[in-house]
Amino acid sequence: MTTTDAEALLRAVPMRVTRPRIAVLTMVADNPHSDADTIVSTVRRDLGSVSIQGVYDVLHALTDAGLLRRIEPAGSPARFETRVGDNHHHLVCRTCGAITDVECAVGKAPCLDTAVPSGFAVEQAEVTFWGTCPGCLANDN
């Protein structure tokens, strides 16, 4: 993602365009499924001085604005991605922790057919597939 693309996304929400917001949004777009520590390290390398809390505040604001999606695979720190608003799931490698996107097997949200308790309106279903990635499979041989 370019700086210009990030600026346009921020303005469309609308959010004030700041260097930390551009840096976080660009980093996550270029490195989907990154955890907060990785994002902080990369943003600090790009911008110099920025506080950990500042990056966490940006992650929270971008998530609230719908520009980032936060996922929390069991046993893993929260991860962030810019692929929002669609109906996809994730596949996590049990060996190395790599995460990849998986398209919904059924289609439109929430893509699972379940008995919904009275009064609830289901908007999204989160499915996490667990397995072993090709790299880890190759290392086992």
Protein backbone atom coordinates (compact mmCIF):
# COMPACT_ATOMS: atom_id res chain seq x y z
CA MET A 1 0.00 0.00 0.00
CA THR A 2 1.30 3.44 -0.83
CA THR A 3 1.21 6.47 1.44
CA THR A 4 -1.30 8.05 -0.94
CA ASP A 5 -3.58 4.98 -0.65
CA ALA A 6 -3.37 5.07 3.14
CA GLU A 7 -4.16 8.79 3.20
CA ALA A 8 -7.20 8.24 0.97
CA LEU A 9 -8.50 5.45 3.23
CA LEU A 10 -8.09 7.61 6.33
CA ARG A 11 -9.87 10.56 4.72
CA ALA A 12 -12.71 8.32 3.51
CA VAL A 13 -13.51 7.10 7.04
CA PRO A 14 -13.00 10.14 7.91
CA MET A 15 -9.96 10.22 10.20
CA ARG A 16 -7.23 12.77 10.62
CA VAL A 17 -4.21 11.83 8.53
CA THR A 18 -1.13 11.39 10.73
CA ARG A 19 2.28 9.81 10.15
CA PRO A 20 1.68 7.05 12.73
CA ARG A 21 -1.70 6.14 11.22
CA ILE A 22 -0.22 6.03 7.72
CA ALA A 23 2.73 3.95 8.96
CA VAL A 24 0.55 1.42 10.82
CA LEU A 25 -1.98 1.09 8.00
CA THR A 26 0.75 0.66 5.38
CA MET A 27 2.68 -1.84 7.50
CA VAL A 28 -0.38 -4.01 8.15
CA ALA A 29 -1.44 -3.86 4.49
CA ASP A 30 2.01 -5.02 3.43
CA ASN A 31 2.29 -7.64 6.23
CA PRO A 32 -1.13 -9.12 6.94
CA HIS A 33 -1.65 -11.03 10.19
CA SER A 34 1.10 -9.11 12.00
CA ASP A 35 1.01 -8.93 15.78
CA ALA A 36 1.25 -5.65 17.68
CA ASP A 37 4.91 -6.14 18.68
CA THR A 38 5.93 -6.60 15.05
CA ILE A 39 3.89 -3.56 14.04
CA VAL A 40 5.50 -1.44 16.78
CA SER A 41 9.01 -2.52 15.72
CA THR A 42 8.40 -1.77 12.05
CA VAL A 43 6.69 1.57 12.68
CA ARG A 44 9.51 2.63 15.02
CA ARG A 45 12.08 1.70 12.37
CA ASP A 46 10.18 3.77 9.78
CA LEU A 47 9.24 6.78 11.92
CA GLY A 48 11.85 6.82 14.63
CA SER A 49 10.37 7.78 17.96
CA VAL A 50 6.84 6.55 18.54
CA SER A 51 5.50 5.13 21.79
CA ILE A 52 4.17 1.61 22.16
CA GLN A 53 0.95 3.08 23.54
CA GLY A 54 0.74 5.39 20.51
CA VAL A 55 0.85 2.42 18.15
CA TYR A 56 -1.72 0.52 20.24
CA ASP A 57 -3.97 3.61 20.15
CA VAL A 58 -3.64 3.75 16.34
CA LEU A 59 -4.42 0.02 16.02
CA HIS A 60 -7.52 0.49 18.18
CA ALA A 61 -8.68 3.57 16.23
CA LEU A 62 -8.13 1.94 12.83
CA THR A 63 -9.97 -1.19 13.97
CA ASP A 64 -12.88 0.88 15.31
CA ALA A 65 -13.00 2.78 12.01
CA GLY A 66 -13.24 -0.48 10.06
CA LEU A 67 -9.89 -0.09 8.32
CA LEU A 68 -8.30 -2.99 10.22
CA ARG A 69 -9.60 -6.31 11.42
CA ARG A 70 -8.31 -7.84 14.65
CA ILE A 71 -8.16 -11.62 14.82
CA GLU A 72 -7.26 -13.65 17.89
CA PRO A 73 -6.30 -17.25 17.16
CA ALA A 74 -6.25 -19.37 20.33
CA GLY A 75 -2.86 -19.31 22.03
CA SER A 76 -1.61 -16.48 19.84
CA PRO A 77 -1.40 -12.72 20.32
CA ALA A 78 -3.92 -10.60 18.47
CA ARG A 79 -3.13 -10.16 14.79
CA PHE A 80 -4.22 -7.41 12.42
CA GLU A 81 -5.12 -7.29 8.74
CA THR A 82 -6.56 -4.79 6.27
CA ARG A 83 -8.84 -7.34 4.65
CA VAL A 84 -12.11 -6.23 6.20
CA GLY A 85 -15.76 -6.37 5.27
CA ASP A 86 -15.66 -9.68 3.49
CA ASN A 87 -16.42 -13.12 4.79
CA HIS A 88 -13.12 -14.96 5.09
CA HIS A 89 -11.55 -17.16 7.72
CA HIS A 90 -8.02 -18.17 8.69
CA LEU A 91 -5.77 -21.21 8.63
CA VAL A 92 -3.09 -21.34 11.33
CA CYS A 93 -0.01 -23.59 11.24
CA ARG A 94 0.31 -25.40 14.57
CA THR A 95 4.09 -25.67 14.11
CA CYS A 96 5.28 -22.17 13.12
CA GLY A 97 2.16 -20.06 13.70
CA ALA A 98 1.88 -18.84 10.09
CA ILE A 99 -1.59 -17.56 9.25
CA THR A 100 -3.21 -17.50 5.83
CA ASP A 101 -6.64 -16.45 4.61
CA VAL A 102 -9.26 -19.05 3.71
CA GLU A 103 -12.30 -18.15 1.66
CA CYS A 104 -15.68 -18.96 3.15
CA ALA A 105 -16.81 -22.41 2.04
CA VAL A 106 -20.48 -21.45 1.79
CA GLY A 107 -20.68 -17.82 0.72
CA LYS A 108 -22.48 -14.86 2.20
CA ALA A 109 -22.16 -13.86 5.85
CA PRO A 110 -22.31 -15.46 8.29
CA CYS A 111 -21.56 -18.54 6.11
CA LEU A 112 -22.56 -20.98 8.80
CA ASP A 113 -26.05 -22.32 9.24
CA THR A 114 -26.88 -22.69 12.89
CA ALA A 115 -29.82 -22.46 15.22
CA VAL A 116 -29.63 -18.88 16.42
CA PRO A 117 -31.01 -18.14 19.91
CA SER A 118 -34.10 -15.97 19.88
CA GLY A 119 -33.41 -12.27 19.61
CA PHE A 120 -29.91 -12.53 18.11
CA ALA A 121 -28.97 -11.31 14.65
CA VAL A 122 -25.81 -13.09 13.50
CA GLU A 123 -23.59 -10.86 11.36
CA GLN A 124 -20.33 -12.75 11.16
CA ALA A 125 -18.89 -16.17 11.90
CA GLU A 126 -15.22 -16.64 12.69
CA VAL A 127 -13.78 -19.99 11.80
CA THR A 128 -10.16 -20.89 12.43
CA PHE A 129 -8.71 -23.88 10.66
CA TRP A 130 -5.64 -25.48 12.23
CA GLY A 131 -3.05 -27.54 10.41
CA THR A 132 0.54 -27.60 9.18
CA CYS A 133 1.88 -25.24 6.51
CA PRO A 134 3.81 -26.50 3.47
CA GLY A 135 7.14 -25.26 4.83
CA CYS A 136 6.73 -27.14 8.11
CA LEU A 137 5.52 -30.26 6.28
CA ALA A 138 8.66 -30.14 4.10
CA ASN A 139 10.87 -29.82 7.20
CA ASP A 140 9.28 -32.97 8.67
CA ASN A 141 10.48 -35.06 5.72
